[in-house]
Amino acid sequence: MMIESPRIEWLQKSGKQCLKFTFGKNLTAKDATTAIVKWKAAFESKKNEKIVLIWDCVKMQEYESDARAQWVDVLKEMKPRIDSIWLITDSVLISMGASVMGMLSSINIKTVKSESEIIVG
């Protein structure tokens, strides 16, 4: 059985809606395309709310450049609906990639080493 990557689920933190993405070892362009469809559907289900995104990249080791490019495009498109973005990783490579995505989309991406460090407010 193939494990879905990323796994996408709703959770609440401090009373705020959060959409959590839990990534596997590698994010392919195909995985990104599938995840973006689910991401947009999830946002559509919460029409007038700003959503906190949590990207759990603890297991991620690499991503395809096409996946990153797709992610930047959707960040730009969904920016008005995004409250904040939290990246969970201890990888310098993944953190740098997220910084680039943040610069290209004009969204501040906060990096932490564990989910317990996330403070939404």
PDB file of N, CA and C in Angstrom:
ATOM      1  N   MET A   1       0.838  -1.184   0.000  1.00  0.00           N
ATOM      2  CA  MET A   1       0.000   0.000   0.000  1.00  0.00           C
ATOM      3  C   MET A   1       0.883   1.248   0.000  1.00  0.00           C
ATOM      4  N   MET A   2       0.540   2.187  -0.859  1.00  0.00           N
ATOM      5  CA  MET A   2       1.329   3.405  -0.973  1.00  0.00           C
ATOM      6  C   MET A   2       0.844   4.446   0.043  1.00  0.00           C
ATOM      7  N   ILE A   3       1.775   5.090   0.700  1.00  0.00           N
ATOM      8  CA  ILE A   3       1.429   6.113   1.683  1.00  0.00           C
ATOM      9  C   ILE A   3       1.291   7.450   0.967  1.00  0.00           C
ATOM     10  N   GLU A   4       0.200   8.139   1.259  1.00  0.00           N
ATOM     11  CA  GLU A   4      -0.053   9.435   0.642  1.00  0.00           C
ATOM     12  C   GLU A   4       0.959  10.463   1.138  1.00  0.00           C
ATOM     13  N   SER A   5       1.574  11.163   0.209  1.00  0.00           N
ATOM     14  CA  SER A   5       2.514  12.207   0.586  1.00  0.00           C
ATOM     15  C   SER A   5       2.267  13.430  -0.290  1.00  0.00           C
ATOM     16  N   PRO A   6       2.004  14.546   0.280  1.00  0.00           N
ATOM     17  CA  PRO A   6       1.844  14.734   1.720  1.00  0.00           C
ATOM     18  C   PRO A   6       0.448  14.328   2.178  1.00  0.00           C
ATOM     19  N   ARG A   7       0.352  13.949   3.446  1.00  0.00           N
ATOM     20  CA  ARG A   7      -0.951  13.727   4.073  1.00  0.00           C
ATOM     21  C   ARG A   7      -1.460  15.106   4.490  1.00  0.00           C
ATOM     22  N   ILE A   8      -2.731  15.382   4.221  1.00  0.00           N
ATOM     23  CA  ILE A   8      -3.300  16.695   4.510  1.00  0.00           C
ATOM     24  C   ILE A   8      -4.479  16.509   5.458  1.00  0.00           C
ATOM     25  N   GLU A   9      -4.455  17.262   6.568  1.00  0.00           N
ATOM     26  CA  GLU A   9      -5.530  17.121   7.553  1.00  0.00           C
ATOM     27  C   GLU A   9      -5.767  18.436   8.279  1.00  0.00           C
ATOM     28  N   TRP A  10      -7.005  18.622   8.735  1.00  0.00           N
ATOM     29  CA  TRP A  10      -7.363  19.785   9.531  1.00  0.00           C
ATOM     30  C   TRP A  10      -7.036  19.532  10.987  1.00  0.00           C
ATOM     31  N   LEU A  11      -6.585  20.577  11.680  1.00  0.00           N
ATOM     32  CA  LEU A  11      -6.454  20.523  13.128  1.00  0.00           C
ATOM     33  C   LEU A  11      -6.644  21.924  13.679  1.00  0.00           C
ATOM     34  N   GLN A  12      -6.874  22.007  14.980  1.00  0.00           N
ATOM     35  CA  GLN A  12      -7.076  23.296  15.640  1.00  0.00           C
ATOM     36  C   GLN A  12      -5.899  23.571  16.554  1.00  0.00           C
ATOM     37  N   LYS A  13      -5.432  24.802  16.531  1.00  0.00           N
ATOM     38  CA  LYS A  13      -4.404  25.265  17.466  1.00  0.00           C
ATOM     39  C   LYS A  13      -4.858  26.619  17.972  1.00  0.00           C
ATOM     40  N   SER A  14      -4.993  26.732  19.276  1.00  0.00           N
ATOM     41  CA  SER A  14      -5.445  27.980  19.910  1.00  0.00           C
ATOM     42  C   SER A  14      -6.723  28.508  19.263  1.00  0.00           C
ATOM     43  N   GLY A  15      -7.622  27.598  18.908  1.00  0.00           N
ATOM     44  CA  GLY A  15      -8.906  27.983  18.331  1.00  0.00           C
ATOM     45  C   GLY A  15      -8.855  28.375  16.868  1.00  0.00           C
ATOM     46  N   LYS A  16      -7.699  28.246  16.237  1.00  0.00           N
ATOM     47  CA  LYS A  16      -7.559  28.597  14.818  1.00  0.00           C
ATOM     48  C   LYS A  16      -7.547  27.338  13.957  1.00  0.00           C
ATOM     49  N   GLN A  17      -8.146  27.451  12.778  1.00  0.00           N
ATOM     50  CA  GLN A  17      -8.114  26.358  11.812  1.00  0.00           C
ATOM     51  C   GLN A  17      -6.718  26.261  11.212  1.00  0.00           C
ATOM     52  N   CYS A  18      -6.161  25.070  11.237  1.00  0.00           N
ATOM     53  CA  CYS A  18      -4.847  24.835  10.642  1.00  0.00           C
ATOM     54  C   CYS A  18      -4.955  23.680   9.656  1.00  0.00           C
ATOM     55  N   LEU A  19      -4.325  23.844   8.517  1.00  0.00           N
ATOM     56  CA  LEU A  19      -4.246  22.775   7.538  1.00  0.00           C
ATOM     57  C   LEU A  19      -2.817  22.248   7.577  1.00  0.00           C
ATOM     58  N   LYS A  20      -2.689  21.010   8.037  1.00  0.00           N
ATOM     59  CA  LYS A  20      -1.362  20.419   8.223  1.00  0.00           C
ATOM     60  C   LYS A  20      -1.035  19.477   7.066  1.00  0.00           C
ATOM     61  N   PHE A  21       0.142  19.672   6.514  1.00  0.00           N
ATOM     62  CA  PHE A  21       0.685  18.825   5.453  1.00  0.00           C
ATOM     63  C   PHE A  21       1.828  18.031   6.078  1.00  0.00           C
ATOM     64  N   THR A  22       1.752  16.719   6.036  1.00  0.00           N
ATOM     65  CA  THR A  22       2.833  15.881   6.550  1.00  0.00           C
ATOM     66  C   THR A  22       3.497  15.215   5.349  1.00  0.00           C
ATOM     67  N   PHE A  23       4.731  15.614   5.088  1.00  0.00           N
ATOM     68  CA  PHE A  23       5.447  15.170   3.902  1.00  0.00           C
ATOM     69  C   PHE A  23       6.277  13.921   4.183  1.00  0.00           C
ATOM     70  N   GLY A  24       6.429  13.114   3.142  1.00  0.00           N
ATOM     71  CA  GLY A  24       7.312  11.958   3.210  1.00  0.00           C
ATOM     72  C   GLY A  24       8.727  12.368   2.844  1.00  0.00           C
ATOM     73  N   LYS A  25       9.513  11.396   2.456  1.00  0.00           N
ATOM     74  CA  LYS A  25      10.935  11.594   2.175  1.00  0.00           C
ATOM     75  C   LYS A  25      11.193  12.515   0.974  1.00  0.00           C
ATOM     76  N   ASN A  26      10.346  12.404  -0.065  1.00  0.00           N
ATOM     77  CA  ASN A  26      10.574  13.144  -1.306  1.00  0.00           C
ATOM     78  C   ASN A  26       9.251  13.709  -1.810  1.00  0.00           C
ATOM     79  N   LEU A  27       9.249  14.959  -2.248  1.00  0.00           N
ATOM     80  CA  LEU A  27       8.067  15.552  -2.860  1.00  0.00           C
ATOM     81  C   LEU A  27       8.306  15.626  -4.363  1.00  0.00           C
ATOM     82  N   THR A  28       7.543  14.822  -5.099  1.00  0.00           N
ATOM     83  CA  THR A  28       7.645  14.831  -6.559  1.00  0.00           C
ATOM     84  C   THR A  28       6.666  15.857  -7.125  1.00  0.00           C
ATOM     85  N   ALA A  29       6.845  16.194  -8.376  1.00  0.00           N
ATOM     86  CA  ALA A  29       5.926  17.121  -9.035  1.00  0.00           C
ATOM     87  C   ALA A  29       4.523  16.518  -9.069  1.00  0.00           C
ATOM     88  N   LYS A  30       4.438  15.215  -9.284  1.00  0.00           N
ATOM     89  CA  LYS A  30       3.130  14.526  -9.312  1.00  0.00           C
ATOM     90  C   LYS A  30       2.461  14.615  -7.942  1.00  0.00           C
ATOM     91  N   ASP A  31       3.214  14.370  -6.877  1.00  0.00           N
ATOM     92  CA  ASP A  31       2.674  14.489  -5.518  1.00  0.00           C
ATOM     93  C   ASP A  31       2.202  15.915  -5.257  1.00  0.00           C
ATOM     94  N   ALA A  32       2.974  16.894  -5.700  1.00  0.00           N
ATOM     95  CA  ALA A  32       2.617  18.299  -5.492  1.00  0.00           C
ATOM     96  C   ALA A  32       1.308  18.622  -6.204  1.00  0.00           C
ATOM     97  N   THR A  33       1.147  18.157  -7.427  1.00  0.00           N
ATOM     98  CA  THR A  33      -0.083  18.406  -8.185  1.00  0.00           C
ATOM     99  C   THR A  33      -1.289  17.848  -7.444  1.00  0.00           C
ATOM    100  N   THR A  34      -1.184  16.616  -6.970  1.00  0.00           N
ATOM    101  CA  THR A  34      -2.271  15.975  -6.224  1.00  0.00           C
ATOM    102  C   THR A  34      -2.570  16.734  -4.938  1.00  0.00           C
ATOM    103  N   ALA A  35      -1.520  17.111  -4.209  1.00  0.00           N
ATOM    104  CA  ALA A  35      -1.695  17.825  -2.939  1.00  0.00           C
ATOM    105  C   ALA A  35      -2.334  19.195  -3.154  1.00  0.00           C
ATOM    106  N   ILE A  36      -1.975  19.878  -4.216  1.00  0.00           N
ATOM    107  CA  ILE A  36      -2.519  21.211  -4.486  1.00  0.00           C
ATOM    108  C   ILE A  36      -4.017  21.139  -4.748  1.00  0.00           C
ATOM    109  N   VAL A  37      -4.470  20.105  -5.444  1.00  0.00           N
ATOM    110  CA  VAL A  37      -5.910  19.919  -5.673  1.00  0.00           C
ATOM    111  C   VAL A  37      -6.625  19.759  -4.334  1.00  0.00           C
ATOM    112  N   LYS A  38      -6.055  18.946  -3.443  1.00  0.00           N
ATOM    113  CA  LYS A  38      -6.652  18.722  -2.121  1.00  0.00           C
ATOM    114  C   LYS A  38      -6.589  20.004  -1.278  1.00  0.00           C
ATOM    115  N   TRP A  39      -5.476  20.725  -1.379  1.00  0.00           N
ATOM    116  CA  TRP A  39      -5.293  21.981  -0.659  1.00  0.00           C
ATOM    117  C   TRP A  39      -6.380  22.978  -1.056  1.00  0.00           C
ATOM    118  N   LYS A  40      -6.591  23.150  -2.345  1.00  0.00           N
ATOM    119  CA  LYS A  40      -7.603  24.094  -2.822  1.00  0.00           C
ATOM    120  C   LYS A  40      -9.002  23.673  -2.373  1.00  0.00           C
ATOM    121  N   ALA A  41      -9.291  22.384  -2.410  1.00  0.00           N
ATOM    122  CA  ALA A  41     -10.592  21.878  -1.962  1.00  0.00           C
ATOM    123  C   ALA A  41     -10.782  22.137  -0.471  1.00  0.00           C
ATOM    124  N   ALA A  42      -9.729  21.954   0.304  1.00  0.00           N
ATOM    125  CA  ALA A  42      -9.798  22.198   1.747  1.00  0.00           C
ATOM    126  C   ALA A  42     -10.082  23.679   2.010  1.00  0.00           C
ATOM    127  N   PHE A  43      -9.407  24.564   1.308  1.00  0.00           N
ATOM    128  CA  PHE A  43      -9.641  25.999   1.470  1.00  0.00           C
ATOM    129  C   PHE A  43     -11.064  26.357   1.056  1.00  0.00           C
ATOM    130  N   GLU A  44     -11.544  25.723  -0.002  1.00  0.00           N
ATOM    131  CA  GLU A  44     -12.896  25.984  -0.503  1.00  0.00           C
ATOM    132  C   GLU A  44     -13.940  25.617   0.557  1.00  0.00           C
ATOM    133  N   SER A  45     -13.641  24.608   1.364  1.00  0.00           N
ATOM    134  CA  SER A  45     -14.584  24.173   2.405  1.00  0.00           C
ATOM    135  C   SER A  45     -14.647  25.144   3.578  1.00  0.00           C
ATOM    136  N   LYS A  46     -13.720  26.071   3.659  1.00  0.00           N
ATOM    137  CA  LYS A  46     -13.678  27.069   4.738  1.00  0.00           C
ATOM    138  C   LYS A  46     -13.645  28.465   4.102  1.00  0.00           C
ATOM    139  N   LYS A  47     -14.625  28.734   3.279  1.00  0.00           N
ATOM    140  CA  LYS A  47     -14.625  29.876   2.366  1.00  0.00           C
ATOM    141  C   LYS A  47     -14.115  31.213   2.896  1.00  0.00           C
ATOM    142  N   ASN A  48     -14.602  31.692   4.011  1.00  0.00           N
ATOM    143  CA  ASN A  48     -14.286  33.057   4.432  1.00  0.00           C
ATOM    144  C   ASN A  48     -13.301  33.119   5.584  1.00  0.00           C
ATOM    145  N   GLU A  49     -12.504  32.099   5.731  1.00  0.00           N
ATOM    146  CA  GLU A  49     -11.542  32.063   6.834  1.00  0.00           C
ATOM    147  C   GLU A  49     -10.111  32.147   6.307  1.00  0.00           C
ATOM    148  N   LYS A  50      -9.259  32.779   7.090  1.00  0.00           N
ATOM    149  CA  LYS A  50      -7.818  32.734   6.808  1.00  0.00           C
ATOM    150  C   LYS A  50      -7.286  31.500   7.525  1.00  0.00           C
ATOM    151  N   ILE A  51      -6.453  30.756   6.849  1.00  0.00           N
ATOM    152  CA  ILE A  51      -6.009  29.460   7.341  1.00  0.00           C
ATOM    153  C   ILE A  51      -4.518  29.485   7.667  1.00  0.00           C
ATOM    154  N   VAL A  52      -4.171  28.878   8.785  1.00  0.00           N
ATOM    155  CA  VAL A  52      -2.771  28.654   9.158  1.00  0.00           C
ATOM    156  C   VAL A  52      -2.322  27.365   8.468  1.00  0.00           C
ATOM    157  N   LEU A  53      -1.197  27.428   7.776  1.00  0.00           N
ATOM    158  CA  LEU A  53      -0.627  26.228   7.156  1.00  0.00           C
ATOM    159  C   LEU A  53       0.524  25.721   8.009  1.00  0.00           C
ATOM    160  N   ILE A  54       0.568  24.411   8.187  1.00  0.00           N
ATOM    161  CA  ILE A  54       1.674  23.759   8.881  1.00  0.00           C
ATOM    162  C   ILE A  54       2.250  22.731   7.919  1.00  0.00           C
ATOM    163  N   TRP A  55       3.521  22.902   7.616  1.00  0.00           N
ATOM    164  CA  TRP A  55       4.214  21.952   6.740  1.00  0.00           C
ATOM    165  C   TRP A  55       5.175  21.136   7.581  1.00  0.00           C
ATOM    166  N   ASP A  56       4.803  19.898   7.853  1.00  0.00           N
ATOM    167  CA  ASP A  56       5.662  19.003   8.633  1.00  0.00           C
ATOM    168  C   ASP A  56       6.622  18.306   7.668  1.00  0.00           C
ATOM    169  N   CYS A  57       7.835  18.802   7.618  1.00  0.00           N
ATOM    170  CA  CYS A  57       8.852  18.295   6.694  1.00  0.00           C
ATOM    171  C   CYS A  57       9.973  17.553   7.430  1.00  0.00           C
ATOM    172  N   VAL A  58       9.658  17.025   8.610  1.00  0.00           N
ATOM    173  CA  VAL A  58      10.665  16.341   9.414  1.00  0.00           C
ATOM    174  C   VAL A  58      11.287  15.173   8.651  1.00  0.00           C
ATOM    175  N   LYS A  59      10.456  14.432   7.884  1.00  0.00           N
ATOM    176  CA  LYS A  59      10.959  13.264   7.144  1.00  0.00           C
ATOM    177  C   LYS A  59      11.487  13.624   5.756  1.00  0.00           C
ATOM    178  N   MET A  60      11.167  14.829   5.280  1.00  0.00           N
ATOM    179  CA  MET A  60      11.543  15.202   3.915  1.00  0.00           C
ATOM    180  C   MET A  60      13.058  15.351   3.780  1.00  0.00           C
ATOM    181  N   GLN A  61      13.573  14.765   2.714  1.00  0.00           N
ATOM    182  CA  GLN A  61      14.995  14.885   2.414  1.00  0.00           C
ATOM    183  C   GLN A  61      15.242  15.636   1.116  1.00  0.00           C
ATOM    184  N   GLU A  62      14.261  15.583   0.211  1.00  0.00           N
ATOM    185  CA  GLU A  62      14.446  16.265  -1.070  1.00  0.00           C
ATOM    186  C   GLU A  62      13.088  16.550  -1.711  1.00  0.00           C
ATOM    187  N   TYR A  63      13.123  17.399  -2.719  1.00  0.00           N
ATOM    188  CA  TYR A  63      11.930  17.719  -3.493  1.00  0.00           C
ATOM    189  C   TYR A  63      12.375  18.037  -4.907  1.00  0.00           C
ATOM    190  N   GLU A  64      11.487  17.773  -5.847  1.00  0.00           N
ATOM    191  CA  GLU A  64      11.781  18.096  -7.238  1.00  0.00           C
ATOM    192  C   GLU A  64      11.573  19.593  -7.459  1.00  0.00           C
ATOM    193  N   SER A  65      12.399  20.178  -8.305  1.00  0.00           N
ATOM    194  CA  SER A  65      12.285  21.626  -8.547  1.00  0.00           C
ATOM    195  C   SER A  65      10.922  21.985  -9.132  1.00  0.00           C
ATOM    196  N   ASP A  66      10.338  21.088  -9.934  1.00  0.00           N
ATOM    197  CA  ASP A  66       8.994  21.351 -10.471  1.00  0.00           C
ATOM    198  C   ASP A  66       7.951  21.376  -9.357  1.00  0.00           C
ATOM    199  N   ALA A  67       8.147  20.558  -8.332  1.00  0.00           N
ATOM    200  CA  ALA A  67       7.231  20.560  -7.182  1.00  0.00           C
ATOM    201  C   ALA A  67       7.313  21.902  -6.467  1.00  0.00           C
ATOM    202  N   ARG A  68       8.533  22.382  -6.250  1.00  0.00           N
ATOM    203  CA  ARG A  68       8.709  23.680  -5.598  1.00  0.00           C
ATOM    204  C   ARG A  68       8.076  24.801  -6.431  1.00  0.00           C
ATOM    205  N   ALA A  69       8.244  24.757  -7.743  1.00  0.00           N
ATOM    206  CA  ALA A  69       7.679  25.785  -8.619  1.00  0.00           C
ATOM    207  C   ALA A  69       6.146  25.781  -8.543  1.00  0.00           C
ATOM    208  N   GLN A  70       5.550  24.603  -8.525  1.00  0.00           N
ATOM    209  CA  GLN A  70       4.090  24.510  -8.383  1.00  0.00           C
ATOM    210  C   GLN A  70       3.643  25.086  -7.045  1.00  0.00           C
ATOM    211  N   TRP A  71       4.402  24.777  -6.005  1.00  0.00           N
ATOM    212  CA  TRP A  71       4.078  25.243  -4.650  1.00  0.00           C
ATOM    213  C   TRP A  71       4.112  26.778  -4.603  1.00  0.00           C
ATOM    214  N   VAL A  72       5.114  27.382  -5.232  1.00  0.00           N
ATOM    215  CA  VAL A  72       5.216  28.852  -5.263  1.00  0.00           C
ATOM    216  C   VAL A  72       4.007  29.445  -5.987  1.00  0.00           C
ATOM    217  N   ASP A  73       3.618  28.843  -7.104  1.00  0.00           N
ATOM    218  CA  ASP A  73       2.461  29.352  -7.851  1.00  0.00           C
ATOM    219  C   ASP A  73       1.192  29.334  -7.004  1.00  0.00           C
ATOM    220  N   VAL A  74       0.972  28.226  -6.295  1.00  0.00           N
ATOM    221  CA  VAL A  74      -0.248  28.137  -5.488  1.00  0.00           C
ATOM    222  C   VAL A  74      -0.164  29.054  -4.267  1.00  0.00           C
ATOM    223  N   LEU A  75       1.024  29.259  -3.726  1.00  0.00           N
ATOM    224  CA  LEU A  75       1.174  30.210  -2.620  1.00  0.00           C
ATOM    225  C   LEU A  75       0.762  31.615  -3.059  1.00  0.00           C
ATOM    226  N   LYS A  76       1.210  32.013  -4.235  1.00  0.00           N
ATOM    227  CA  LYS A  76       0.846  33.339  -4.756  1.00  0.00           C
ATOM    228  C   LYS A  76      -0.674  33.441  -4.931  1.00  0.00           C
ATOM    229  N   GLU A  77      -1.268  32.391  -5.477  1.00  0.00           N
ATOM    230  CA  GLU A  77      -2.710  32.374  -5.728  1.00  0.00           C
ATOM    231  C   GLU A  77      -3.517  32.389  -4.419  1.00  0.00           C
ATOM    232  N   MET A  78      -3.073  31.623  -3.431  1.00  0.00           N
ATOM    233  CA  MET A  78      -3.834  31.453  -2.191  1.00  0.00           C
ATOM    234  C   MET A  78      -3.432  32.452  -1.101  1.00  0.00           C
ATOM    235  N   LYS A  79      -2.480  33.311  -1.380  1.00  0.00           N
ATOM    236  CA  LYS A  79      -1.951  34.234  -0.372  1.00  0.00           C
ATOM    237  C   LYS A  79      -3.035  34.973   0.427  1.00  0.00           C
ATOM    238  N   PRO A  80      -4.085  35.490  -0.219  1.00  0.00           N
ATOM    239  CA  PRO A  80      -5.104  36.210   0.562  1.00  0.00           C
ATOM    240  C   PRO A  80      -5.816  35.332   1.603  1.00  0.00           C
ATOM    241  N   ARG A  81      -5.772  34.027   1.425  1.00  0.00           N
ATOM    242  CA  ARG A  81      -6.462  33.100   2.332  1.00  0.00           C
ATOM    243  C   ARG A  81      -5.540  32.529   3.409  1.00  0.00           C
ATOM    244  N   ILE A  82      -4.243  32.835   3.318  1.00  0.00           N
ATOM    245  CA  ILE A  82      -3.268  32.255   4.247  1.00  0.00           C
ATOM    246  C   ILE A  82      -3.047  33.198   5.426  1.00  0.00           C
ATOM    247  N   ASP A  83      -3.257  32.682   6.630  1.00  0.00           N
ATOM    248  CA  ASP A  83      -3.006  33.442   7.860  1.00  0.00           C
ATOM    249  C   ASP A  83      -1.506  33.466   8.130  1.00  0.00           C
ATOM    250  N   SER A  84      -0.897  32.286   8.180  1.00  0.00           N
ATOM    251  CA  SER A  84       0.546  32.160   8.401  1.00  0.00           C
ATOM    252  C   SER A  84       0.989  30.774   7.951  1.00  0.00           C
ATOM    253  N   ILE A  85       2.301  30.615   7.789  1.00  0.00           N
ATOM    254  CA  ILE A  85       2.862  29.323   7.398  1.00  0.00           C
ATOM    255  C   ILE A  85       3.959  28.961   8.381  1.00  0.00           C
ATOM    256  N   TRP A  86       3.883  27.744   8.888  1.00  0.00           N
ATOM    257  CA  TRP A  86       4.884  27.196   9.798  1.00  0.00           C
ATOM    258  C   TRP A  86       5.523  25.981   9.147  1.00  0.00           C
ATOM    259  N   LEU A  87       6.828  25.962   9.100  1.00  0.00           N
ATOM    260  CA  LEU A  87       7.601  24.852   8.545  1.00  0.00           C
ATOM    261  C   LEU A  87       8.281  24.126   9.696  1.00  0.00           C
ATOM    262  N   ILE A  88       8.054  22.820   9.778  1.00  0.00           N
ATOM    263  CA  ILE A  88       8.710  22.018  10.806  1.00  0.00           C
ATOM    264  C   ILE A  88       9.811  21.208  10.128  1.00  0.00           C
ATOM    265  N   THR A  89      11.062  21.533  10.462  1.00  0.00           N
ATOM    266  CA  THR A  89      12.197  20.821   9.890  1.00  0.00           C
ATOM    267  C   THR A  89      13.460  21.146  10.684  1.00  0.00           C
ATOM    268  N   ASP A  90      14.425  20.259  10.576  1.00  0.00           N
ATOM    269  CA  ASP A  90      15.756  20.603  11.084  1.00  0.00           C
ATOM    270  C   ASP A  90      16.770  20.511   9.945  1.00  0.00           C
ATOM    271  N   SER A  91      16.244  20.401   8.713  1.00  0.00           N
ATOM    272  CA  SER A  91      17.089  20.315   7.518  1.00  0.00           C
ATOM    273  C   SER A  91      17.397  21.708   6.979  1.00  0.00           C
ATOM    274  N   VAL A  92      18.679  22.010   6.826  1.00  0.00           N
ATOM    275  CA  VAL A  92      19.088  23.289   6.255  1.00  0.00           C
ATOM    276  C   VAL A  92      18.596  23.401   4.811  1.00  0.00           C
ATOM    277  N   LEU A  93      18.675  22.307   4.050  1.00  0.00           N
ATOM    278  CA  LEU A  93      18.243  22.308   2.651  1.00  0.00           C
ATOM    279  C   LEU A  93      16.746  22.638   2.534  1.00  0.00           C
ATOM    280  N   ILE A  94      15.925  21.977   3.326  1.00  0.00           N
ATOM    281  CA  ILE A  94      14.478  22.207   3.271  1.00  0.00           C
ATOM    282  C   ILE A  94      14.157  23.620   3.752  1.00  0.00           C
ATOM    283  N   SER A  95      14.825  24.066   4.780  1.00  0.00           N
ATOM    284  CA  SER A  95      14.619  25.413   5.303  1.00  0.00           C
ATOM    285  C   SER A  95      14.988  26.471   4.264  1.00  0.00           C
ATOM    286  N   MET A  96      16.095  26.265   3.568  1.00  0.00           N
ATOM    287  CA  MET A  96      16.513  27.205   2.519  1.00  0.00           C
ATOM    288  C   MET A  96      15.500  27.221   1.373  1.00  0.00           C
ATOM    289  N   GLY A  97      15.022  26.049   0.981  1.00  0.00           N
ATOM    290  CA  GLY A  97      14.018  25.969  -0.080  1.00  0.00           C
ATOM    291  C   GLY A  97      12.753  26.727   0.292  1.00  0.00           C
ATOM    292  N   ALA A  98      12.330  26.581   1.545  1.00  0.00           N
ATOM    293  CA  ALA A  98      11.139  27.302   2.016  1.00  0.00           C
ATOM    294  C   ALA A  98      11.380  28.805   2.034  1.00  0.00           C
ATOM    295  N   SER A  99      12.589  29.219   2.400  1.00  0.00           N
ATOM    296  CA  SER A  99      12.930  30.652   2.386  1.00  0.00           C
ATOM    297  C   SER A  99      12.810  31.220   0.977  1.00  0.00           C
ATOM    298  N   VAL A 100      13.281  30.476   0.001  1.00  0.00           N
ATOM    299  CA  VAL A 100      13.172  30.899  -1.400  1.00  0.00           C
ATOM    300  C   VAL A 100      11.699  31.003  -1.796  1.00  0.00           C
ATOM    301  N   MET A 101      10.905  29.992  -1.415  1.00  0.00           N
ATOM    302  CA  MET A 101       9.476  30.034  -1.734  1.00  0.00           C
ATOM    303  C   MET A 101       8.813  31.236  -1.074  1.00  0.00           C
ATOM    304  N   GLY A 102       9.201  31.519   0.150  1.00  0.00           N
ATOM    305  CA  GLY A 102       8.652  32.674   0.850  1.00  0.00           C
ATOM    306  C   GLY A 102       8.990  33.976   0.147  1.00  0.00           C
ATOM    307  N   MET A 103      10.237  34.103  -0.299  1.00  0.00           N
ATOM    308  CA  MET A 103      10.645  35.315  -1.018  1.00  0.00           C
ATOM    309  C   MET A 103       9.883  35.454  -2.337  1.00  0.00           C
ATOM    310  N   LEU A 104       9.758  34.352  -3.077  1.00  0.00           N
ATOM    311  CA  LEU A 104       9.095  34.405  -4.380  1.00  0.00           C
ATOM    312  C   LEU A 104       7.599  34.674  -4.276  1.00  0.00           C
ATOM    313  N   SER A 105       7.000  34.293  -3.144  1.00  0.00           N
ATOM    314  CA  SER A 105       5.557  34.479  -2.974  1.00  0.00           C
ATOM    315  C   SER A 105       5.220  35.651  -2.051  1.00  0.00           C
ATOM    316  N   SER A 106       6.245  36.292  -1.489  1.00  0.00           N
ATOM    317  CA  SER A 106       6.073  37.393  -0.530  1.00  0.00           C
ATOM    318  C   SER A 106       5.295  36.962   0.711  1.00  0.00           C
ATOM    319  N   ILE A 107       5.547  35.740   1.165  1.00  0.00           N
ATOM    320  CA  ILE A 107       4.910  35.227   2.381  1.00  0.00           C
ATOM    321  C   ILE A 107       6.015  34.844   3.365  1.00  0.00           C
ATOM    322  N   ASN A 108       5.860  35.276   4.604  1.00  0.00           N
ATOM    323  CA  ASN A 108       6.809  34.923   5.652  1.00  0.00           C
ATOM    324  C   ASN A 108       6.540  33.489   6.104  1.00  0.00           C
ATOM    325  N   ILE A 109       7.545  32.643   6.000  1.00  0.00           N
ATOM    326  CA  ILE A 109       7.433  31.255   6.439  1.00  0.00           C
ATOM    327  C   ILE A 109       8.299  31.099   7.688  1.00  0.00           C
ATOM    328  N   LYS A 110       7.652  30.748   8.790  1.00  0.00           N
ATOM    329  CA  LYS A 110       8.361  30.605  10.069  1.00  0.00           C
ATOM    330  C   LYS A 110       8.817  29.162  10.228  1.00  0.00           C
ATOM    331  N   THR A 111      10.076  28.968  10.582  1.00  0.00           N
ATOM    332  CA  THR A 111      10.638  27.631  10.719  1.00  0.00           C
ATOM    333  C   THR A 111      10.829  27.275  12.186  1.00  0.00           C
ATOM    334  N   VAL A 112      10.378  26.071  12.539  1.00  0.00           N
ATOM    335  CA  VAL A 112      10.553  25.524  13.887  1.00  0.00           C
ATOM    336  C   VAL A 112      11.053  24.086  13.762  1.00  0.00           C
ATOM    337  N   LYS A 113      11.561  23.553  14.855  1.00  0.00           N
ATOM    338  CA  LYS A 113      12.072  22.178  14.838  1.00  0.00           C
ATOM    339  C   LYS A 113      11.041  21.149  15.281  1.00  0.00           C
ATOM    340  N   SER A 114       9.955  21.598  15.957  1.00  0.00           N
ATOM    341  CA  SER A 114       8.899  20.670  16.364  1.00  0.00           C
ATOM    342  C   SER A 114       7.556  21.397  16.382  1.00  0.00           C
ATOM    343  N   GLU A 115       6.493  20.620  16.245  1.00  0.00           N
ATOM    344  CA  GLU A 115       5.155  21.200  16.211  1.00  0.00           C
ATOM    345  C   GLU A 115       4.820  21.937  17.512  1.00  0.00           C
ATOM    346  N   SER A 116       5.402  21.502  18.611  1.00  0.00           N
ATOM    347  CA  SER A 116       5.111  22.133  19.907  1.00  0.00           C
ATOM    348  C   SER A 116       5.596  23.597  19.962  1.00  0.00           C
ATOM    349  N   GLU A 117       6.482  23.975  19.059  1.00  0.00           N
ATOM    350  CA  GLU A 117       6.988  25.350  19.023  1.00  0.00           C
ATOM    351  C   GLU A 117       6.074  26.323  18.271  1.00  0.00           C
ATOM    352  N   ILE A 118       5.056  25.799  17.601  1.00  0.00           N
ATOM    353  CA  ILE A 118       4.160  26.639  16.801  1.00  0.00           C
ATOM    354  C   ILE A 118       3.223  27.409  17.725  1.00  0.00           C
ATOM    355  N   ILE A 119       3.189  28.724  17.509  1.00  0.00           N
ATOM    356  CA  ILE A 119       2.306  29.590  18.289  1.00  0.00           C
ATOM    357  C   ILE A 119       1.438  30.353  17.298  1.00  0.00           C
ATOM    358  N   VAL A 120       0.160  30.006  17.259  1.00  0.00           N
ATOM    359  CA  VAL A 120      -0.763  30.747  16.381  1.00  0.00           C
ATOM    360  C   VAL A 120      -1.523  31.736  17.241  1.00  0.00           C
ATOM    361  N   GLY A 121      -1.830  32.864  16.659  1.00  0.00           N
ATOM    362  CA  GLY A 121      -2.503  33.865  17.490  1.00  0.00           C
ATOM    363  C   GLY A 121      -3.125  34.933  16.763  1.00  0.00           C
TER     364      GLY A 121
END
